[in-house]
Amino acid sequence: MAQKTILIVEDDAPILQALVDKFTNEGFSVIEASDGEEGLMKAKDEKPEVILLDIVMPKMDGITMLKELRGSDWGKDIPVFLLTNLSDMDKISESVQIGISGYMIKSDWKLEDVVKKVKEKLDL
């Protein structure tokens, strides 16, 4: 089975490292970005199979990055999971309208749960 590539866009270094380690151990090829601008650039260059995206970040927030991604031919169908500390219903409903595969509030999930959701989406 070909290795799947995941882009993780997260500005909190310890969380980013934990996610990178977990997905690497699960056999994924991992691309990292620490803000939305870098994430968008890497998404367009590397074309990962799935993206984990924080909402609150410097330079470009996750919702803006998601809108930019959805505006491109390649990015309109990529599975995107939002990770956030926000339980803001407006942000949740906005992101659902743009089109996301899942929404996880950081304080509510374990790394295993994130991996499981991604694998389910990719039929792994």
N, C-alpha and C. Protein backbone atom coordinates (compact mmCIF):
# COMPACT_ATOMS: atom_id res chain seq x y z
N MET A 1 0.85 -1.20 0.00
CA MET A 1 0.00 0.00 0.00
C MET A 1 0.89 1.25 0.00
N ALA A 2 0.56 2.19 -0.86
CA ALA A 2 1.34 3.42 -0.95
C ALA A 2 1.17 4.24 0.33
N GLN A 3 2.25 4.90 0.72
CA GLN A 3 2.21 5.72 1.92
C GLN A 3 1.35 6.95 1.66
N LYS A 4 0.48 7.27 2.59
CA LYS A 4 -0.38 8.46 2.47
C LYS A 4 0.36 9.66 3.06
N THR A 5 0.14 10.80 2.45
CA THR A 5 0.77 12.03 2.92
C THR A 5 -0.26 12.90 3.63
N ILE A 6 0.12 13.39 4.81
CA ILE A 6 -0.75 14.28 5.58
C ILE A 6 0.00 15.58 5.83
N LEU A 7 -0.71 16.68 5.66
CA LEU A 7 -0.18 18.01 5.99
C LEU A 7 -0.80 18.42 7.32
N ILE A 8 0.06 18.75 8.28
CA ILE A 8 -0.42 19.20 9.59
C ILE A 8 -0.06 20.67 9.74
N VAL A 9 -1.08 21.51 9.87
CA VAL A 9 -0.89 22.96 9.99
C VAL A 9 -1.30 23.35 11.41
N GLU A 10 -0.30 23.65 12.24
CA GLU A 10 -0.53 23.88 13.68
C GLU A 10 0.57 24.80 14.20
N ASP A 11 0.19 25.89 14.87
CA ASP A 11 1.19 26.85 15.36
C ASP A 11 1.70 26.54 16.77
N ASP A 12 1.08 25.62 17.46
CA ASP A 12 1.52 25.24 18.81
C ASP A 12 2.54 24.10 18.67
N ALA A 13 3.82 24.42 18.88
CA ALA A 13 4.91 23.47 18.60
C ALA A 13 4.76 22.12 19.31
N PRO A 14 4.44 22.06 20.61
CA PRO A 14 4.29 20.74 21.26
C PRO A 14 3.17 19.90 20.64
N ILE A 15 2.06 20.54 20.30
CA ILE A 15 0.94 19.81 19.68
C ILE A 15 1.35 19.34 18.29
N LEU A 16 2.00 20.22 17.52
CA LEU A 16 2.47 19.86 16.19
C LEU A 16 3.40 18.65 16.27
N GLN A 17 4.36 18.68 17.20
CA GLN A 17 5.32 17.58 17.31
C GLN A 17 4.63 16.29 17.70
N ALA A 18 3.67 16.36 18.61
CA ALA A 18 2.94 15.15 19.03
C ALA A 18 2.18 14.54 17.84
N LEU A 19 1.55 15.39 17.04
CA LEU A 19 0.82 14.91 15.87
C LEU A 19 1.76 14.32 14.82
N VAL A 20 2.87 15.02 14.58
CA VAL A 20 3.86 14.53 13.62
C VAL A 20 4.37 13.16 14.04
N ASP A 21 4.75 13.03 15.31
CA ASP A 21 5.26 11.75 15.82
C ASP A 21 4.22 10.64 15.66
N LYS A 22 2.99 10.93 16.04
CA LYS A 22 1.93 9.92 15.99
C LYS A 22 1.66 9.46 14.56
N PHE A 23 1.50 10.42 13.64
CA PHE A 23 1.20 10.05 12.25
C PHE A 23 2.40 9.38 11.57
N THR A 24 3.62 9.79 11.91
CA THR A 24 4.81 9.13 11.38
C THR A 24 4.85 7.68 11.84
N ASN A 25 4.58 7.46 13.13
CA ASN A 25 4.55 6.10 13.68
C ASN A 25 3.45 5.24 13.06
N GLU A 26 2.40 5.89 12.57
CA GLU A 26 1.29 5.17 11.94
C GLU A 26 1.54 4.94 10.45
N GLY A 27 2.73 5.35 9.97
CA GLY A 27 3.10 5.05 8.59
C GLY A 27 2.79 6.14 7.57
N PHE A 28 2.43 7.31 8.05
CA PHE A 28 2.15 8.43 7.14
C PHE A 28 3.43 9.18 6.80
N SER A 29 3.45 9.78 5.63
CA SER A 29 4.47 10.75 5.29
C SER A 29 3.90 12.10 5.75
N VAL A 30 4.64 12.82 6.61
CA VAL A 30 4.09 14.02 7.25
C VAL A 30 4.79 15.29 6.76
N ILE A 31 3.97 16.27 6.37
CA ILE A 31 4.45 17.60 6.02
C ILE A 31 3.97 18.53 7.13
N GLU A 32 4.85 19.43 7.58
CA GLU A 32 4.49 20.34 8.68
C GLU A 32 4.43 21.78 8.20
N ALA A 33 3.52 22.55 8.80
CA ALA A 33 3.47 23.99 8.60
C ALA A 33 3.00 24.62 9.90
N SER A 34 3.53 25.82 10.20
CA SER A 34 3.19 26.44 11.49
C SER A 34 2.27 27.65 11.36
N ASP A 35 1.81 27.95 10.15
CA ASP A 35 0.79 28.99 9.97
C ASP A 35 0.05 28.74 8.67
N GLY A 36 -1.06 29.44 8.47
CA GLY A 36 -1.91 29.20 7.31
C GLY A 36 -1.24 29.52 5.98
N GLU A 37 -0.42 30.57 5.94
CA GLU A 37 0.27 30.92 4.69
C GLU A 37 1.20 29.79 4.25
N GLU A 38 2.03 29.32 5.19
CA GLU A 38 2.95 28.23 4.90
C GLU A 38 2.17 26.96 4.55
N GLY A 39 1.09 26.72 5.28
CA GLY A 39 0.25 25.55 5.04
C GLY A 39 -0.34 25.54 3.65
N LEU A 40 -0.85 26.69 3.21
CA LEU A 40 -1.45 26.80 1.88
C LEU A 40 -0.40 26.55 0.80
N MET A 41 0.77 27.15 0.97
CA MET A 41 1.85 26.97 0.01
C MET A 41 2.26 25.49 -0.08
N LYS A 42 2.44 24.86 1.08
CA LYS A 42 2.85 23.45 1.09
C LYS A 42 1.74 22.55 0.54
N ALA A 43 0.49 22.89 0.84
CA ALA A 43 -0.63 22.09 0.31
C ALA A 43 -0.62 22.11 -1.22
N LYS A 44 -0.43 23.28 -1.80
CA LYS A 44 -0.44 23.41 -3.26
C LYS A 44 0.78 22.74 -3.88
N ASP A 45 1.94 22.83 -3.22
CA ASP A 45 3.17 22.24 -3.75
C ASP A 45 3.19 20.72 -3.61
N GLU A 46 2.78 20.23 -2.44
CA GLU A 46 2.96 18.81 -2.10
C GLU A 46 1.72 17.95 -2.37
N LYS A 47 0.55 18.57 -2.43
CA LYS A 47 -0.72 17.88 -2.66
C LYS A 47 -0.91 16.63 -1.78
N PRO A 48 -1.00 16.85 -0.47
CA PRO A 48 -1.20 15.71 0.45
C PRO A 48 -2.59 15.09 0.26
N GLU A 49 -2.76 13.87 0.78
CA GLU A 49 -4.07 13.20 0.67
C GLU A 49 -5.07 13.73 1.70
N VAL A 50 -4.55 14.33 2.78
CA VAL A 50 -5.42 14.83 3.85
C VAL A 50 -4.70 15.96 4.60
N ILE A 51 -5.49 16.87 5.17
CA ILE A 51 -4.92 18.00 5.91
C ILE A 51 -5.56 18.09 7.29
N LEU A 52 -4.70 18.27 8.32
CA LEU A 52 -5.16 18.61 9.67
C LEU A 52 -4.86 20.09 9.82
N LEU A 53 -5.85 20.87 10.20
CA LEU A 53 -5.72 22.32 10.16
C LEU A 53 -6.22 22.98 11.44
N ASP A 54 -5.33 23.73 12.08
CA ASP A 54 -5.71 24.54 13.24
C ASP A 54 -6.48 25.76 12.72
N ILE A 55 -7.32 26.35 13.54
CA ILE A 55 -8.05 27.55 13.10
C ILE A 55 -7.30 28.82 13.49
N VAL A 56 -6.94 28.97 14.76
CA VAL A 56 -6.32 30.21 15.23
C VAL A 56 -4.81 30.11 15.06
N MET A 57 -4.28 30.85 14.06
CA MET A 57 -2.85 30.84 13.76
C MET A 57 -2.41 32.21 13.28
N PRO A 58 -1.09 32.47 13.36
CA PRO A 58 -0.57 33.74 12.84
C PRO A 58 -0.59 33.76 11.30
N LYS A 59 -0.44 34.94 10.73
CA LYS A 59 -0.35 35.20 9.29
C LYS A 59 -1.65 34.92 8.54
N MET A 60 -2.15 33.69 8.61
CA MET A 60 -3.42 33.34 7.96
C MET A 60 -4.10 32.29 8.82
N ASP A 61 -5.35 32.55 9.20
CA ASP A 61 -6.05 31.58 10.05
C ASP A 61 -6.54 30.39 9.21
N GLY A 62 -6.96 29.35 9.90
CA GLY A 62 -7.36 28.12 9.24
C GLY A 62 -8.57 28.27 8.33
N ILE A 63 -9.54 29.10 8.73
CA ILE A 63 -10.74 29.29 7.90
C ILE A 63 -10.36 29.96 6.58
N THR A 64 -9.48 30.97 6.65
CA THR A 64 -9.03 31.65 5.44
C THR A 64 -8.26 30.68 4.54
N MET A 65 -7.39 29.88 5.15
CA MET A 65 -6.64 28.89 4.38
C MET A 65 -7.59 27.90 3.71
N LEU A 66 -8.59 27.46 4.44
CA LEU A 66 -9.57 26.51 3.91
C LEU A 66 -10.31 27.12 2.71
N LYS A 67 -10.72 28.38 2.82
CA LYS A 67 -11.42 29.05 1.71
C LYS A 67 -10.51 29.13 0.48
N GLU A 68 -9.24 29.48 0.70
CA GLU A 68 -8.28 29.56 -0.41
C GLU A 68 -8.11 28.19 -1.06
N LEU A 69 -8.00 27.18 -0.24
CA LEU A 69 -7.82 25.81 -0.72
C LEU A 69 -9.02 25.38 -1.56
N ARG A 70 -10.20 25.65 -1.06
CA ARG A 70 -11.44 25.25 -1.75
C ARG A 70 -11.62 26.00 -3.07
N GLY A 71 -10.94 27.14 -3.22
CA GLY A 71 -11.03 27.92 -4.45
C GLY A 71 -10.18 27.37 -5.58
N SER A 72 -9.31 26.40 -5.28
CA SER A 72 -8.45 25.84 -6.33
C SER A 72 -9.01 24.50 -6.79
N ASP A 73 -8.74 24.14 -8.04
CA ASP A 73 -9.25 22.87 -8.58
C ASP A 73 -8.79 21.69 -7.73
N TRP A 74 -7.49 21.67 -7.41
CA TRP A 74 -6.97 20.56 -6.64
C TRP A 74 -7.55 20.53 -5.23
N GLY A 75 -7.66 21.71 -4.59
CA GLY A 75 -8.02 21.78 -3.18
C GLY A 75 -9.49 21.64 -2.85
N LYS A 76 -10.35 21.64 -3.87
CA LYS A 76 -11.79 21.65 -3.54
C LYS A 76 -12.29 20.34 -2.95
N ASP A 77 -11.57 19.23 -3.20
CA ASP A 77 -12.04 17.93 -2.72
C ASP A 77 -11.18 17.29 -1.64
N ILE A 78 -10.07 17.92 -1.28
CA ILE A 78 -9.17 17.31 -0.30
C ILE A 78 -9.85 17.22 1.08
N PRO A 79 -9.75 16.07 1.76
CA PRO A 79 -10.30 15.98 3.12
C PRO A 79 -9.52 16.89 4.08
N VAL A 80 -10.25 17.72 4.80
CA VAL A 80 -9.64 18.62 5.78
C VAL A 80 -10.33 18.42 7.12
N PHE A 81 -9.52 18.18 8.15
CA PHE A 81 -10.03 18.09 9.52
C PHE A 81 -9.55 19.31 10.27
N LEU A 82 -10.47 20.02 10.89
CA LEU A 82 -10.10 21.19 11.69
C LEU A 82 -9.84 20.77 13.12
N LEU A 83 -8.73 21.28 13.67
CA LEU A 83 -8.38 21.07 15.07
C LEU A 83 -8.35 22.44 15.72
N THR A 84 -9.04 22.58 16.82
CA THR A 84 -9.08 23.90 17.44
C THR A 84 -9.41 23.83 18.92
N ASN A 85 -9.14 24.91 19.61
CA ASN A 85 -9.59 25.06 20.99
C ASN A 85 -10.91 25.82 21.04
N LEU A 86 -11.32 26.33 19.90
CA LEU A 86 -12.57 27.08 19.85
C LEU A 86 -13.76 26.14 19.84
N SER A 87 -14.75 26.44 20.62
CA SER A 87 -16.01 25.72 20.47
C SER A 87 -17.05 26.74 20.02
N ASP A 88 -16.60 27.67 19.17
CA ASP A 88 -17.40 28.76 18.64
C ASP A 88 -18.33 28.23 17.55
N MET A 89 -19.62 28.25 17.80
CA MET A 89 -20.58 27.67 16.85
C MET A 89 -20.57 28.39 15.50
N ASP A 90 -20.29 29.70 15.48
CA ASP A 90 -20.22 30.42 14.20
C ASP A 90 -19.09 29.89 13.34
N LYS A 91 -17.93 29.70 13.96
CA LYS A 91 -16.77 29.17 13.22
C LYS A 91 -17.05 27.74 12.76
N ILE A 92 -17.68 26.96 13.61
CA ILE A 92 -18.00 25.58 13.25
C ILE A 92 -18.94 25.56 12.05
N SER A 93 -20.01 26.34 12.11
CA SER A 93 -20.97 26.31 11.01
C SER A 93 -20.37 26.89 9.73
N GLU A 94 -19.52 27.92 9.86
CA GLU A 94 -18.85 28.48 8.68
C GLU A 94 -17.96 27.43 8.02
N SER A 95 -17.19 26.72 8.83
CA SER A 95 -16.28 25.72 8.27
C SER A 95 -17.05 24.54 7.67
N VAL A 96 -18.18 24.18 8.26
CA VAL A 96 -19.00 23.09 7.71
C VAL A 96 -19.54 23.50 6.33
N GLN A 97 -19.95 24.77 6.19
CA GLN A 97 -20.46 25.26 4.90
C GLN A 97 -19.37 25.25 3.83
N ILE A 98 -18.12 25.55 4.22
CA ILE A 98 -17.00 25.55 3.28
C ILE A 98 -16.68 24.11 2.87
N GLY A 99 -16.89 23.21 3.77
CA GLY A 99 -16.68 21.80 3.47
C GLY A 99 -15.49 21.21 4.21
N ILE A 100 -15.75 20.57 5.33
CA ILE A 100 -14.69 19.90 6.09
C ILE A 100 -15.11 18.45 6.33
N SER A 101 -14.12 17.63 6.61
CA SER A 101 -14.38 16.21 6.87
C SER A 101 -14.64 15.95 8.35
N GLY A 102 -14.19 16.85 9.19
CA GLY A 102 -14.38 16.67 10.62
C GLY A 102 -13.91 17.89 11.38
N TYR A 103 -14.36 17.98 12.61
CA TYR A 103 -14.07 19.12 13.46
C TYR A 103 -13.77 18.57 14.84
N MET A 104 -12.55 18.80 15.35
CA MET A 104 -12.18 18.26 16.65
C MET A 104 -11.69 19.36 17.57
N ILE A 105 -12.27 19.43 18.74
CA ILE A 105 -11.83 20.40 19.74
C ILE A 105 -10.69 19.76 20.53
N LYS A 106 -9.54 20.45 20.55
CA LYS A 106 -8.29 19.88 21.06
C LYS A 106 -8.43 19.27 22.45
N SER A 107 -9.15 19.93 23.32
CA SER A 107 -9.24 19.43 24.70
C SER A 107 -10.09 18.16 24.80
N ASP A 108 -10.83 17.83 23.74
CA ASP A 108 -11.75 16.69 23.76
C ASP A 108 -11.20 15.44 23.11
N TRP A 109 -10.05 15.48 22.48
CA TRP A 109 -9.60 14.31 21.74
C TRP A 109 -8.25 13.80 22.16
N LYS A 110 -8.01 12.54 21.85
CA LYS A 110 -6.71 11.91 22.05
C LYS A 110 -6.09 11.72 20.68
N LEU A 111 -4.77 11.59 20.62
CA LEU A 111 -4.08 11.40 19.34
C LEU A 111 -4.64 10.20 18.58
N GLU A 112 -4.95 9.12 19.29
CA GLU A 112 -5.47 7.92 18.64
C GLU A 112 -6.78 8.22 17.92
N ASP A 113 -7.60 9.09 18.52
CA ASP A 113 -8.89 9.44 17.92
C ASP A 113 -8.69 10.20 16.61
N VAL A 114 -7.71 11.08 16.59
CA VAL A 114 -7.43 11.86 15.39
C VAL A 114 -6.97 10.93 14.27
N VAL A 115 -6.04 10.03 14.59
CA VAL A 115 -5.54 9.07 13.61
C VAL A 115 -6.69 8.21 13.08
N LYS A 116 -7.54 7.75 13.98
CA LYS A 116 -8.66 6.89 13.60
C LYS A 116 -9.59 7.61 12.61
N LYS A 117 -9.92 8.86 12.89
CA LYS A 117 -10.80 9.63 12.00
C LYS A 117 -10.17 9.81 10.63
N VAL A 118 -8.88 10.12 10.60
CA VAL A 118 -8.18 10.31 9.33
C VAL A 118 -8.15 9.00 8.55
N LYS A 119 -7.83 7.90 9.22
CA LYS A 119 -7.78 6.60 8.54
C LYS A 119 -9.16 6.20 8.01
N GLU A 120 -10.21 6.48 8.79
CA GLU A 120 -11.57 6.17 8.33
C GLU A 120 -11.87 6.95 7.04
N LYS A 121 -11.51 8.22 7.02
CA LYS A 121 -11.78 9.06 5.85
C LYS A 121 -11.03 8.56 4.62
N LEU A 122 -9.82 8.04 4.83
CA LEU A 122 -9.00 7.56 3.72
C LEU A 122 -9.21 6.07 3.44
N ASP A 123 -10.17 5.46 4.15
CA ASP A 123 -10.46 4.03 3.99
C ASP A 123 -9.23 3.16 4.24
N LEU A 124 -8.46 3.47 5.30
CA LEU A 124 -7.27 2.68 5.62
C LEU A 124 -7.57 1.69 6.74
